[in-house]
Each structure stands twice: as structure tokens, then as C-alpha cells.
């Protein structure tokens, strides 16, 4: 049933909005945590330790996810049926996640004995990971994030994005705390089946319980909708939106300089055995600050908050450089990750506020380009160059191995200073275009 009164509809929708934001947001991040953190470990432990194979998995999935978000976002805009994309996508996403546990060198050898079993298994993982990334990006990055934009308004987006910013970290904590013992015991099939089953179940629940918002639909042809956001003319029509996306890319590149190497740094450079305690304390502390800070974002305005919260993030990076003991690292880490999550929340809410009402899905494709693809291509390689230049090493079983150094944090801080220009332009440029202010 569709309500005709937006005000009454908004009042009725608040509890339902938060239920779906938390349920779909958290479940999606559980699946992404498995793909981002554990798939490479699974391949390394059970198939091959080839860095080329691991790099191929990461690169192909990033490209697949970005293209899928562009295509599915435009399709959901035109159809106005986010629910089907979300619900069906989560079910298939979950099934695909569970399928990783079926891939093994032995299975590849029995099915295609005339070929190299390791190569076959790696190809199977790459293909399956691309399919999973396509399904997950269509359901979560494109449709769900567009639904959030449709269902919120400038008055509550800071709080909503503050909560969503904590979901990846909370998902990491849950998977690491509850399911990591399965991976250490080699029970990979059960591990993937649990996460995949939960994801699919939430998709079934969403099919019957989620409601679409009443967002206007774009005109023109589908291909035109897909390419609309990539045209220079569109950037000229919505300059503040693209400035906000550039700011997101700068923040993303900065975090990718150190984030891929953070656990290795704590374990190997700082020689802190209880890195799980450090990780849990930092993530929980930062999550609490992010949720509370989301209310502040709504009060001061997310655009005006970008510089202060990014300054907090930069301060945390600077504090990480000299931090050595567990307590010092936890304190610096909480400042750093709180600033990072609030920065993501502030920029994400700004992007939502600047999104044309009929293009919410399409903008999610642009978000993937600026917030995921560009940072993941530039940031890790910049961090790797810094690590190679520092030439810090440790010895493991008689083998000299390179280890990340504190300079990755100073490099990340230097990169994030570039955000000052787009943040200032956002504050001084003209007023934002009309935004969607009704909720479903």
C-alpha cells in the first residue's frame, strides 16, 4: 500500500527505516567481509600462494563490482523497483558465497584431470568471485544504497550514514570473533555456508517486508541512463556532486595507503601479539563515536562537518606514527578510525543530499568509481612504494621478510590534506539542487 501523505508516511516509516538500514546494511557487510578479508586467505591456504593469483582475484572483482553497480543502479532507477533488486540479489549473493566452499584443487582434478588442477581452481574462484561481486554490488551497492537515498532526507542522513559507516567494522568483529575459528580449523565449506545462508535468508525476508520509496524515474533510453553520470555535461550540471565524489576519492586513497597493511604492521612491526584485542577495542570505540557523531552531523550539516572530522582522522594518523605500546596504539587507532568513519558518513550524506531525485541508483555507480575503484587502484600501490622505500624487515623461520613501517601513516596524512580544496569548494559553492525529502 502506498501512502499519499509524505509527512504521515515519514512518521510511519521511521522504525521500519532503521530496521532495514541495520538489517540489510549489516548483512551486506558480512558478505563483503568474507569476500574482502577471507577469500584471499582461503585461496592462500587451500589452493595457491601465488601473489599473481591473489592480485587477479582482487582486480577482477573490483572491476566487476563497479560495472555491475553502474548497470544495476540505472536499471533500478528506471524501474523504480529497488525491492526486487535487493531481495533477489541478496538470495543469489548468499548462494554464490556458499559456493566458494565447493571449490578445491581435488574437485578440479577430478572434474578436469587433463588440466592443471590449481589453474582450474583459481579460474573457478575468479569467475565465482566476479559473479558474487556482480550480485552483491547490484543488490547492496546499487539498489540498497539507492533505496537509502530515496528513504531519507537531509535532516536524518547524517545519522543514517553514521550508522552505515560502522557496519563494515562491526561485521569484521562478528566474523573475526565468531567464525574465524572455523577458518583456522579448515572448515571453509561450513564457514562460507553460514555467511551465505544468512545473506540469502535476509533476502527472503526483504522480499516480503521491504517497501519501495516513491522516487521519480528518469526518462530516455537505458544506455543513456547508464552513461549519463559519466558525461562531462552531467558534471557541469551538478558540479557540487562531483566535487563531493572527488573528496570521497581522496579520503579513500588515503585510507588504502595503510589499511591493507594495518594488521601486518601491528603484528610484525609493533610485535603486539594481542592484535585481536587492539582491533576489537579500536573498532568498537570508533563505532560508538561514529553513531553518536552522526547526530552532530545532522545538526551542523554534513558538508560543513567534512573538514573537522577529516582533521580528526589526520590527527589519528599522526598519532599512529609514534605509537608503540598496546594502549598508545588503541588510543591513536580510535581517533584515526573515528575520524575516518565520520568522514565517510559526512561525505556520503553530502553526496545523498546532492543526488538528483531521479538518479539515486545511477549515483551509486559513480560512488563505486570514486569511493572504491580509484582508491583501491592507487592507495595500496602508494603504500607498497612507501614500505619498499622504508625497507624495514623481520626474520621468520630464517627468511627475511619486508614489513610495513610507520611512514604509511604519515603518507596517508599527506594524501588526505588534498581534501581541503574540494571541502572548501563545497562550502562556498552555490546551493545544492533539489533533493528527495520524502521517505517510504
Protein backbone atom coordinates (compact mmCIF):
# COMPACT_ATOMS: atom_id res chain seq x y z
CA UNK A 1 0.00 0.00 0.00
CA UNK A 2 1.36 3.44 -0.92
CA UNK A 3 0.63 6.42 1.30
CA UNK A 4 -0.42 9.70 -0.25
CA UNK A 5 0.76 11.92 2.60
CA UNK A 6 4.58 12.18 2.69
CA UNK A 7 4.61 13.61 6.26
CA UNK A 8 2.46 10.83 7.68
CA UNK A 9 4.38 8.31 5.59
CA UNK A 10 7.64 9.55 7.11
CA UNK A 11 6.30 9.21 10.66
CA UNK A 12 5.14 5.68 10.00
CA UNK A 13 8.40 4.75 8.28
CA UNK A 14 10.97 5.69 10.95
CA UNK A 15 11.11 2.37 12.85
CA UNK A 16 10.84 0.43 9.59
CA UNK A 17 13.57 2.57 8.01
CA UNK A 18 16.04 1.88 10.81
CA UNK A 19 15.17 -1.82 10.83
CA UNK A 20 16.03 -2.24 7.17
CA UNK A 21 19.05 0.06 7.31
CA UNK A 22 20.58 -2.04 10.07
CA UNK A 23 19.44 -5.48 8.80
CA UNK A 24 20.36 -5.04 5.14
CA UNK A 25 23.39 -2.87 5.85
CA UNK A 26 24.92 -5.25 8.38
CA UNK A 27 24.15 -8.44 6.44
CA UNK A 28 25.62 -6.97 3.28
CA UNK A 29 28.81 -6.10 5.10
CA UNK A 30 29.04 -9.65 6.49
CA UNK A 31 29.13 -10.95 2.93
CA UNK A 32 31.60 -8.27 1.84
CA UNK A 33 33.86 -9.06 4.81
CA UNK A 34 34.09 -12.65 3.64
CA UNK A 35 34.94 -11.54 0.11
CA UNK A 36 37.37 -8.78 1.09
CA UNK A 37 39.16 -10.39 4.04
CA UNK A 38 38.80 -14.17 3.88
CA UNK A 39 38.63 -15.18 0.23
CA UNK A 40 42.32 -14.48 -0.31
CA UNK A 41 43.12 -16.40 2.89
CA UNK A 42 41.03 -19.33 1.61
CA UNK A 43 42.88 -19.32 -1.71
CA UNK A 44 46.25 -18.95 0.01
CA UNK A 45 45.59 -21.80 2.46
CA UNK A 46 43.87 -24.29 0.16
CA UNK A 47 44.77 -23.55 -3.47
CA UNK A 48 47.89 -21.45 -4.13
CA UNK A 49 50.14 -18.87 -2.50
CA UNK A 50 50.78 -17.12 -5.84
CA UNK A 51 50.54 -13.31 -5.38
CA UNK A 52 49.59 -13.02 -9.04
CA UNK A 53 46.53 -15.17 -8.45
CA UNK A 54 45.54 -13.14 -5.39
CA UNK A 55 46.01 -9.86 -7.28
CA UNK A 56 43.89 -11.16 -10.16
CA UNK A 57 41.05 -12.01 -7.77
CA UNK A 58 41.08 -8.53 -6.22
CA UNK A 59 41.38 -6.65 -9.51
CA UNK A 60 38.73 -8.55 -11.47
CA UNK A 61 36.19 -8.39 -8.64
CA UNK A 62 36.70 -4.61 -8.25
CA UNK A 63 36.04 -4.04 -11.94
CA UNK A 64 33.04 -6.39 -11.94
CA UNK A 65 31.54 -4.67 -8.89
CA UNK A 66 31.90 -1.20 -10.40
CA UNK A 67 30.37 -2.14 -13.76
CA UNK A 68 27.53 -4.02 -12.03
CA UNK A 69 26.70 -1.03 -9.84
CA UNK A 70 26.56 1.28 -12.85
CA UNK A 71 24.25 -1.06 -14.77
CA UNK A 72 22.01 -2.13 -11.88
CA UNK A 73 21.78 1.38 -10.44
CA UNK A 74 20.46 2.78 -13.71
CA UNK A 75 18.08 -0.18 -14.10
CA UNK A 76 16.63 0.29 -10.61
CA UNK A 77 16.17 4.00 -11.29
CA UNK A 78 14.17 3.29 -14.42
CA UNK A 79 12.04 0.52 -12.92
CA UNK A 80 11.57 2.12 -9.51
CA UNK A 81 11.61 -1.42 -8.05
CA UNK A 82 14.53 -1.43 -5.64
CA UNK A 83 12.92 -4.21 -3.55
CA UNK A 84 13.26 -6.86 -6.26
CA UNK A 85 16.89 -5.96 -6.90
CA UNK A 86 17.69 -6.08 -3.18
CA UNK A 87 15.75 -9.20 -2.21
CA UNK A 88 16.57 -11.39 -5.22
CA UNK A 89 20.13 -10.09 -5.23
CA UNK A 90 20.72 -10.99 -1.58
CA UNK A 91 19.35 -14.51 -2.13
CA UNK A 92 21.61 -15.15 -5.13
CA UNK A 93 24.51 -13.36 -3.43
CA UNK A 94 24.21 -15.70 -0.47
CA UNK A 95 24.04 -18.78 -2.68
CA UNK A 96 27.16 -17.68 -4.53
CA UNK A 97 29.01 -17.03 -1.26
CA UNK A 98 28.19 -20.53 -0.05
CA UNK A 99 29.52 -21.87 -3.37
CA UNK A 100 33.10 -20.87 -2.56
CA UNK A 101 33.30 -23.82 -0.19
CA UNK A 102 32.76 -26.22 -3.09
CA UNK A 103 35.92 -25.14 -4.93
CA UNK A 104 39.08 -27.13 -4.26
CA UNK A 105 42.12 -28.47 -6.05
CA UNK A 106 40.87 -32.04 -5.55
CA UNK A 107 37.48 -31.19 -7.07
CA UNK A 108 39.16 -29.51 -10.03
CA UNK A 109 41.43 -32.54 -10.55
CA UNK A 110 38.52 -34.96 -10.53
CA UNK A 111 36.42 -32.89 -12.96
CA UNK A 112 39.17 -31.95 -15.42
CA UNK A 113 42.05 -34.40 -14.90
CA UNK A 114 43.73 -33.42 -18.17
CA UNK A 115 44.34 -29.81 -16.94
CA UNK A 116 46.41 -28.25 -14.17
CA UNK A 117 44.13 -28.56 -11.12
CA UNK A 118 45.50 -25.45 -9.43
CA UNK A 119 44.93 -23.29 -12.50
CA UNK A 120 41.40 -24.65 -12.88
CA UNK A 121 40.62 -23.96 -9.22
CA UNK A 122 41.98 -20.40 -9.45
CA UNK A 123 39.92 -19.72 -12.59
CA UNK A 124 36.84 -21.11 -10.83
CA UNK A 125 37.43 -18.78 -7.86
CA UNK A 126 37.97 -15.76 -10.12
CA UNK A 127 34.77 -16.46 -12.07
CA UNK A 128 32.74 -17.19 -8.93
CA UNK A 129 34.12 -14.07 -7.21
CA UNK A 130 33.16 -11.93 -10.21
CA UNK A 131 29.64 -13.36 -10.16
CA UNK A 132 29.39 -12.78 -6.42
CA UNK A 133 30.67 -9.22 -6.82
CA UNK A 134 28.13 -8.54 -9.57
CA UNK A 135 25.25 -9.87 -7.47
CA UNK A 136 26.41 -8.16 -4.27
CA UNK A 137 27.04 -4.83 -5.95
CA UNK A 138 23.69 -4.89 -7.75
CA UNK A 139 21.84 -5.71 -4.53
CA UNK A 140 23.81 -3.74 -1.96
CA UNK A 141 25.93 -1.03 -3.57
CA UNK A 142 23.37 -0.10 -6.23
CA UNK A 143 19.83 -0.92 -5.08
CA UNK A 144 20.14 -0.80 -1.28
CA UNK A 145 22.17 2.40 -1.22
CA UNK A 146 19.78 3.99 -3.70
CA UNK A 147 16.85 2.87 -1.50
CA UNK A 148 18.53 4.57 1.48
CA UNK A 149 18.82 7.78 -0.51
CA UNK A 150 15.15 7.52 -1.54
CA UNK A 151 14.06 6.81 2.03
CA UNK A 152 15.97 9.53 3.88
CA UNK A 153 16.14 13.30 3.81
CA UNK A 154 18.76 15.95 4.64
CA UNK A 155 17.53 16.00 8.23
CA UNK A 156 18.46 12.40 9.06
CA UNK A 157 21.12 11.35 6.56
CA UNK A 158 23.99 12.15 8.92
CA UNK A 159 22.62 9.70 11.48
CA UNK A 160 21.83 7.04 8.89
CA UNK A 161 25.23 7.26 7.22
CA UNK A 162 26.92 7.39 10.63
CA UNK A 163 25.32 4.03 11.45
CA UNK A 164 26.07 2.58 8.00
CA UNK A 165 29.71 3.62 8.35
CA UNK A 166 30.05 1.34 11.39
CA UNK A 167 28.66 -1.72 9.65
CA UNK A 168 31.89 -2.89 7.94
CA UNK A 169 33.76 -2.73 11.23
CA UNK A 170 31.05 -4.47 13.23
CA UNK A 171 30.81 -7.15 10.54
CA UNK A 172 34.57 -7.66 10.75
CA UNK A 173 34.32 -8.07 14.51
CA UNK A 174 31.50 -10.61 14.28
CA UNK A 175 33.14 -12.68 11.57
CA UNK A 176 36.54 -12.50 13.26
CA UNK A 177 35.18 -13.35 16.71
CA UNK A 178 32.51 -15.93 15.90
CA UNK A 179 33.59 -17.56 12.64
CA UNK A 180 37.37 -17.20 12.43
CA UNK A 181 37.87 -20.44 14.43
CA UNK A 182 36.18 -22.29 11.57
CA UNK A 183 38.76 -21.00 9.08
CA UNK A 184 41.65 -21.85 11.40
CA UNK A 185 40.25 -25.36 11.71
CA UNK A 186 39.98 -25.70 7.94
CA UNK A 187 36.15 -25.83 7.95
CA UNK A 188 35.87 -23.50 4.98
CA UNK A 189 32.72 -25.03 3.49
CA UNK A 190 30.80 -24.53 6.75
CA UNK A 191 32.21 -21.00 7.07
CA UNK A 192 31.01 -19.94 3.61
CA UNK A 193 27.68 -21.75 4.06
CA UNK A 194 26.84 -19.90 7.29
CA UNK A 195 27.51 -16.45 5.87
CA UNK A 196 25.85 -17.31 2.55
CA UNK A 197 22.81 -18.80 4.28
CA UNK A 198 22.31 -15.73 6.48
CA UNK A 199 22.60 -13.42 3.46
CA UNK A 200 20.06 -15.43 1.46
CA UNK A 201 17.65 -15.61 4.40
CA UNK A 202 17.70 -11.84 4.79
CA UNK A 203 16.94 -11.56 1.08
CA UNK A 204 13.83 -13.72 1.53
CA UNK A 205 12.72 -11.57 4.47
CA UNK A 206 13.27 -8.40 2.41
CA UNK A 207 11.12 -9.76 -0.41
CA UNK A 208 8.11 -9.87 1.89
CA UNK A 209 8.83 -6.93 4.17
CA UNK A 210 10.72 -4.21 2.28
CA UNK A 211 8.78 -1.42 0.59
CA UNK A 212 9.89 0.78 -2.27
CA UNK A 213 10.00 4.54 -1.92
CA UNK A 214 8.25 6.81 -4.36
CA UNK A 215 11.16 8.26 -6.29
CA UNK A 216 10.76 9.93 -9.71
CA UNK A 217 12.05 7.95 -12.65
CA UNK A 218 14.45 9.23 -15.33
CA UNK A 219 13.41 9.43 -18.95
CA UNK A 220 15.35 8.41 -22.04
CA UNK A 221 16.91 5.12 -23.00
CA UNK A 222 18.57 2.69 -20.61
CA UNK A 223 22.06 3.01 -22.14
CA UNK A 224 21.74 6.76 -21.91
CA UNK A 225 20.91 6.41 -18.20
CA UNK A 226 23.96 4.21 -17.63
CA UNK A 227 26.29 6.68 -19.33
CA UNK A 228 24.58 9.81 -18.04
CA UNK A 229 26.78 10.23 -14.98
CA UNK A 230 29.99 9.70 -16.98
CA UNK A 231 29.35 12.61 -19.33
CA UNK A 232 31.20 15.92 -18.81
CA UNK A 233 27.92 17.76 -19.40
CA UNK A 234 26.39 16.00 -16.37
CA UNK A 235 29.35 17.04 -14.21
CA UNK A 236 28.85 20.63 -15.36
CA UNK A 237 25.17 20.46 -14.41
CA UNK A 238 25.90 19.06 -10.92
CA UNK A 239 29.37 20.36 -10.03
CA UNK A 240 28.97 20.05 -6.25
CA UNK A 241 28.03 16.38 -6.54
CA UNK A 242 31.22 15.60 -8.42
CA UNK A 243 33.31 17.75 -6.07
CA UNK A 244 31.92 15.66 -3.17
CA UNK A 245 32.83 12.46 -5.05
CA UNK A 246 36.38 13.75 -5.58
CA UNK A 247 36.60 14.39 -1.83
CA UNK A 248 35.46 10.79 -1.25
CA UNK A 249 38.16 9.50 -3.61
CA UNK A 250 40.85 11.45 -1.72
CA UNK A 251 39.72 10.07 1.63
CA UNK A 252 39.54 6.57 0.14
CA UNK A 253 43.04 6.74 -1.36
CA UNK A 254 44.40 7.94 1.99
CA UNK A 255 42.89 5.00 3.90
CA UNK A 256 44.01 2.46 1.30
CA UNK A 257 47.62 3.57 1.80
CA UNK A 258 47.69 1.91 5.24
CA UNK A 259 44.55 -0.21 5.70
CA UNK A 260 45.66 -3.26 3.67
CA UNK A 261 48.81 -3.45 5.78
CA UNK A 262 47.41 -2.48 9.19
CA UNK A 263 47.16 -5.93 10.80
CA UNK A 264 50.58 -6.91 9.45
CA UNK A 265 52.00 -3.66 10.88
CA UNK A 266 50.55 -4.30 14.33
CA UNK A 267 51.67 -7.92 14.34
CA UNK A 268 55.09 -7.69 12.75
CA UNK A 269 56.43 -4.16 13.18
CA UNK A 270 54.95 -3.38 16.60
CA UNK A 271 55.22 -7.04 17.66
CA UNK A 272 51.90 -6.90 19.53
CA UNK A 273 50.67 -10.47 19.98
CA UNK A 274 47.23 -9.40 21.16
CA UNK A 275 46.37 -7.67 17.90
CA UNK A 276 42.83 -9.03 18.16
CA UNK A 277 42.37 -7.04 21.38
CA UNK A 278 43.71 -3.92 19.66
CA UNK A 279 41.41 -4.46 16.68
CA UNK A 280 38.32 -5.04 18.84
CA UNK A 281 38.96 -2.02 21.08
CA UNK A 282 39.60 0.31 18.15
CA UNK A 283 36.61 -0.86 16.11
CA UNK A 284 34.15 -0.79 19.00
CA UNK A 285 35.35 2.59 20.24
CA UNK A 286 35.24 4.11 16.77
CA UNK A 287 31.79 2.60 16.09
CA UNK A 288 30.32 4.19 19.22
CA UNK A 289 31.81 7.59 18.38
CA UNK A 290 30.56 7.31 14.79
CA UNK A 291 26.97 6.55 15.85
CA UNK A 292 26.94 9.43 18.34
CA UNK A 293 28.70 11.72 15.88
CA UNK A 294 26.06 11.07 13.23
CA UNK A 295 23.61 13.18 15.24
CA UNK A 296 26.13 16.02 15.31
CA UNK A 297 26.50 15.76 11.51
CA UNK A 298 22.76 16.35 11.12
CA UNK A 299 22.88 19.38 13.41
CA UNK A 300 25.83 21.18 11.85
CA UNK A 301 25.26 19.86 8.33
CA UNK A 302 27.37 17.06 6.79
CA UNK A 303 29.07 19.37 4.27
CA UNK A 304 30.29 21.75 6.98
CA UNK A 305 31.47 18.79 9.06
CA UNK A 306 33.79 17.30 6.43
CA UNK A 307 36.88 19.33 7.33
CA UNK A 308 36.59 18.96 11.14
CA UNK A 309 36.11 15.17 11.05
CA UNK A 310 38.83 14.69 8.44
CA UNK A 311 41.12 16.78 10.67
CA UNK A 312 40.33 14.29 13.44
CA UNK A 313 41.26 11.45 11.09
CA UNK A 314 44.53 13.18 10.15
CA UNK A 315 45.33 13.71 13.84
CA UNK A 316 44.83 9.98 14.43
CA UNK A 317 47.22 9.19 11.57
CA UNK A 318 49.86 11.48 13.08
CA UNK A 319 49.37 9.86 16.49
CA UNK A 320 49.82 6.40 14.96
CA UNK A 321 53.31 7.32 13.73
CA UNK A 322 54.97 7.37 17.19
CA UNK A 323 52.55 4.95 18.94
CA UNK A 324 54.25 1.72 20.03
CA UNK A 325 52.59 0.11 23.06
CA UNK A 326 49.15 -1.51 23.03
CA UNK A 327 47.38 1.32 24.88
CA UNK A 328 49.00 4.01 22.74
CA UNK A 329 48.02 2.20 19.55
CA UNK A 330 44.45 1.70 20.78
CA UNK A 331 44.11 5.39 21.66
CA UNK A 332 45.56 6.60 18.36
CA UNK A 333 43.59 3.98 16.45
CA UNK A 334 40.27 5.08 17.96
CA UNK A 335 40.95 8.71 16.97
CA UNK A 336 42.02 7.65 13.47
CA UNK A 337 39.15 5.25 12.74
CA UNK A 338 36.52 7.52 14.34
CA UNK A 339 37.63 10.36 12.10
CA UNK A 340 37.65 8.04 9.10
CA UNK A 341 34.12 6.71 9.71
CA UNK A 342 32.71 10.17 10.43
CA UNK A 343 34.46 11.43 7.30
CA UNK A 344 32.81 8.69 5.23
CA UNK A 345 29.45 9.47 6.87
CA UNK A 346 29.77 13.22 6.22
CA UNK A 347 30.77 12.79 2.58
CA UNK A 348 28.20 10.05 1.97
CA UNK A 349 25.40 12.21 3.41
CA UNK A 350 26.61 15.14 1.31
CA UNK A 351 26.51 13.00 -1.83
CA UNK A 352 22.98 11.83 -0.96
CA UNK A 353 21.85 15.44 -0.44
CA UNK A 354 23.28 16.42 -3.82
CA UNK A 355 21.84 13.40 -5.68
CA UNK A 356 19.15 14.25 -8.26
CA UNK A 357 15.93 12.56 -7.09
CA UNK A 358 15.57 10.50 -10.27
CA UNK A 359 19.21 9.35 -10.35
CA UNK A 360 19.80 7.77 -6.94
CA UNK A 361 20.73 4.40 -8.42
CA UNK A 362 22.97 5.86 -11.08
CA UNK A 363 24.90 7.87 -8.49
CA UNK A 364 25.76 4.62 -6.69
CA UNK A 365 27.75 3.62 -9.76
CA UNK A 366 29.65 6.90 -9.57
CA UNK A 367 30.17 6.29 -5.85
CA UNK A 368 31.77 2.92 -6.65
CA UNK A 369 34.15 4.56 -9.12
CA UNK A 370 35.24 7.33 -6.76
CA UNK A 371 34.99 5.59 -3.37
CA UNK A 372 36.11 2.06 -4.27
CA UNK A 373 37.74 1.60 -7.67
CA UNK A 374 40.04 4.65 -7.73
CA UNK A 375 41.19 4.28 -4.08
CA UNK A 376 41.83 0.54 -4.46
CA UNK A 377 43.89 1.10 -7.60
CA UNK A 378 46.01 3.97 -6.26
CA UNK A 379 46.18 3.63 -2.45
CA UNK A 380 47.66 0.13 -1.96
CA UNK A 381 50.37 0.70 -4.57
CA UNK A 382 51.30 4.02 -2.95
CA UNK A 383 51.51 2.26 0.41
CA UNK A 384 53.59 -0.54 -1.13
CA UNK A 385 56.03 2.02 -2.56
CA UNK A 386 56.42 3.64 0.87
CA UNK A 387 57.00 0.24 2.50
CA UNK A 388 59.60 -0.69 -0.12
CA UNK A 389 61.33 2.65 0.33
CA UNK A 390 61.49 2.31 4.11
CA UNK A 391 62.97 -1.19 3.71
CA UNK A 392 62.02 -2.40 7.20
CA UNK A 393 62.36 -6.17 7.62
CA UNK A 394 61.90 -9.01 10.09
CA UNK A 395 63.09 -12.61 10.12
CA UNK A 396 60.61 -15.51 10.14
CA UNK A 397 61.94 -19.07 10.17
CA UNK A 398 65.24 -17.82 8.81
CA UNK A 399 63.60 -15.90 5.97
CA UNK A 400 63.95 -12.10 5.78
CA UNK A 401 60.58 -10.51 5.02
CA UNK A 402 59.60 -6.90 4.41
CA UNK A 403 57.32 -5.29 6.97
CA UNK A 404 55.16 -2.13 6.85
CA UNK A 405 56.65 0.89 8.61
CA UNK A 406 55.01 3.86 10.40
CA UNK A 407 55.66 6.01 7.34
CA UNK A 408 52.48 4.67 5.76
CA UNK A 409 50.50 6.76 8.28
CA UNK A 410 52.37 9.97 7.50
CA UNK A 411 51.88 9.30 3.79
CA UNK A 412 48.15 8.78 4.35
CA UNK A 413 48.02 12.06 6.30
CA UNK A 414 49.79 13.87 3.46
CA UNK A 415 47.32 12.48 0.92
CA UNK A 416 44.23 13.48 2.92
CA UNK A 417 45.36 17.14 3.09
CA UNK A 418 44.30 17.32 -0.57
CA UNK A 419 40.69 17.12 0.62
CA UNK A 420 40.85 20.73 1.86
CA UNK A 421 40.23 22.17 -1.63
CA UNK A 422 37.07 20.18 -2.54
CA UNK A 423 35.74 20.57 1.02
CA UNK A 424 36.15 24.36 0.82
CA UNK A 425 34.58 24.43 -2.65
CA UNK A 426 31.56 22.52 -1.31
CA UNK A 427 31.11 25.08 1.47
CA UNK A 428 31.47 28.14 -0.77
CA UNK A 429 29.75 26.96 -3.97
CA UNK A 430 26.15 27.69 -4.76
CA UNK A 431 23.15 25.98 -3.20
CA UNK A 432 22.51 22.30 -3.77
CA UNK A 433 19.92 21.07 -6.27
CA UNK A 434 16.54 19.96 -5.05
CA UNK A 435 16.72 16.66 -3.17
CA UNK A 436 14.29 13.93 -2.31
CA UNK A 437 12.81 14.66 1.12
CA UNK A 438 10.11 12.01 1.46
CA UNK A 439 10.53 8.53 2.84
CA UNK A 440 8.72 5.35 2.19
